[in-house]
């Protein structure tokens, strides 16, 4: 899990959401914004529309944030908001989501 200093605070989240560049992928949408602190800050959102139960939403967030922590070297010094837009139904979906995020971060 990312430490608190690497997570977006409410004001940073709102700023990134309103002013950030938007990109839509097959499993997620992402907002990016160049921050002034030269730090990597990430937020991952799983809407209630996708997963009804909080436990499943939190599990998805934990899995993705743990994956991002292992691949920090690919993350640029920006603010990122990842919003899941499809339900993760199987391990294959999770693997595809992780690959998509990694390809996005490498480019």
Protein backbone atom coordinates (compact mmCIF):
# COMPACT_ATOMS: atom_id res chain seq x y z
CA UNK A 1 0.00 0.00 0.00
CA UNK A 2 1.23 3.51 -0.74
CA UNK A 3 2.19 5.63 2.25
CA UNK A 4 0.03 8.63 3.12
CA UNK A 5 2.56 11.06 1.68
CA UNK A 6 2.09 9.38 -1.74
CA UNK A 7 -1.70 9.62 -1.71
CA UNK A 8 -3.65 12.58 -3.01
CA UNK A 9 -5.23 14.84 -0.42
CA UNK A 10 -8.75 16.18 -0.99
CA UNK A 11 -7.66 19.52 -2.51
CA UNK A 12 -5.06 17.86 -4.74
CA UNK A 13 -7.66 15.29 -5.81
CA UNK A 14 -10.15 18.02 -6.77
CA UNK A 15 -7.48 20.02 -8.61
CA UNK A 16 -6.31 16.97 -10.57
CA UNK A 17 -9.88 15.95 -11.34
CA UNK A 18 -10.86 19.42 -12.62
CA UNK A 19 -7.68 20.59 -14.36
CA UNK A 20 -5.88 17.35 -15.18
CA UNK A 21 -5.49 15.67 -18.53
CA UNK A 22 -8.05 12.89 -19.08
CA UNK A 23 -7.43 9.57 -20.79
CA UNK A 24 -9.88 6.71 -21.20
CA UNK A 25 -8.67 3.11 -21.34
CA UNK A 26 -10.63 -0.15 -21.55
CA UNK A 27 -10.67 -0.91 -17.81
CA UNK A 28 -9.99 2.48 -16.27
CA UNK A 29 -10.03 6.23 -16.77
CA UNK A 30 -7.08 8.29 -15.61
CA UNK A 31 -6.56 11.95 -14.79
CA UNK A 32 -2.99 13.24 -14.65
CA UNK A 33 -1.73 16.59 -13.45
CA UNK A 34 1.83 17.89 -13.15
CA UNK A 35 2.36 18.65 -9.47
CA UNK A 36 4.66 21.29 -8.03
CA UNK A 37 6.26 19.10 -5.36
CA UNK A 38 8.04 16.64 -7.70
CA UNK A 39 6.44 13.72 -5.86
CA UNK A 40 4.42 10.77 -7.09
CA UNK A 41 0.87 10.96 -5.78
CA UNK A 42 -1.81 8.42 -6.64
CA UNK A 43 -5.45 7.85 -5.91
CA UNK A 44 -7.42 4.83 -7.06
CA UNK A 45 -11.23 4.99 -7.15
CA UNK A 46 -13.69 2.12 -7.46
CA UNK A 47 -17.22 3.59 -7.79
CA UNK A 48 -20.27 2.07 -6.15
CA UNK A 49 -21.70 1.68 -9.63
CA UNK A 50 -18.99 -0.93 -10.35
CA UNK A 51 -18.82 -2.72 -6.97
CA UNK A 52 -21.72 -2.46 -4.53
CA UNK A 53 -19.94 -3.86 -1.46
CA UNK A 54 -17.29 -1.77 0.27
CA UNK A 55 -15.19 -4.84 1.07
CA UNK A 56 -14.85 -5.69 -2.64
CA UNK A 57 -14.10 -2.05 -3.55
CA UNK A 58 -11.39 -1.92 -0.89
CA UNK A 59 -9.95 -5.26 -2.03
CA UNK A 60 -9.67 -3.95 -5.61
CA UNK A 61 -7.97 -0.79 -4.38
CA UNK A 62 -5.52 -2.73 -2.21
CA UNK A 63 -4.59 -5.08 -5.06
CA UNK A 64 -3.94 -2.26 -7.52
CA UNK A 65 -2.10 -0.03 -5.06
CA UNK A 66 0.13 -2.96 -4.02
CA UNK A 67 0.87 -3.57 -7.70
CA UNK A 68 1.69 0.12 -8.21
CA UNK A 69 3.97 0.10 -5.19
CA UNK A 70 5.98 -2.73 -6.74
CA UNK A 71 6.26 -0.79 -10.01
CA UNK A 72 7.05 2.65 -8.60
CA UNK A 73 10.04 3.07 -10.89
CA UNK A 74 7.68 3.58 -13.85
CA UNK A 75 5.58 6.25 -12.14
CA UNK A 76 6.48 9.80 -13.15
CA UNK A 77 6.38 12.74 -10.73
CA UNK A 78 2.73 13.60 -11.32
CA UNK A 79 -0.63 13.34 -9.62
CA UNK A 80 -2.69 10.40 -10.88
CA UNK A 81 -6.33 9.48 -10.35
CA UNK A 82 -7.26 6.04 -11.64
CA UNK A 83 -11.00 5.37 -11.85
CA UNK A 84 -12.08 1.80 -12.48
CA UNK A 85 -14.85 1.63 -15.11
CA UNK A 86 -15.40 -2.15 -15.39
CA UNK A 87 -15.98 -4.82 -12.81
CA UNK A 88 -13.08 -7.19 -12.12
CA UNK A 89 -14.75 -10.57 -12.50
CA UNK A 90 -11.77 -12.92 -12.68
CA UNK A 91 -8.02 -13.14 -12.21
CA UNK A 92 -7.61 -12.66 -15.95
CA UNK A 93 -9.41 -9.31 -15.69
CA UNK A 94 -7.12 -8.28 -12.84
CA UNK A 95 -4.01 -9.28 -14.80
CA UNK A 96 -5.26 -7.38 -17.86
CA UNK A 97 -5.94 -4.31 -15.70
CA UNK A 98 -2.45 -4.45 -14.20
CA UNK A 99 -0.88 -4.81 -17.65
CA UNK A 100 -2.91 -1.88 -18.95
CA UNK A 101 -1.84 0.32 -16.05
CA UNK A 102 1.79 -0.67 -16.47
CA UNK A 103 1.70 0.07 -20.23
CA UNK A 104 0.09 3.44 -19.49
CA UNK A 105 2.79 4.34 -16.96
CA UNK A 106 5.63 3.27 -19.27
CA UNK A 107 4.42 5.55 -22.08
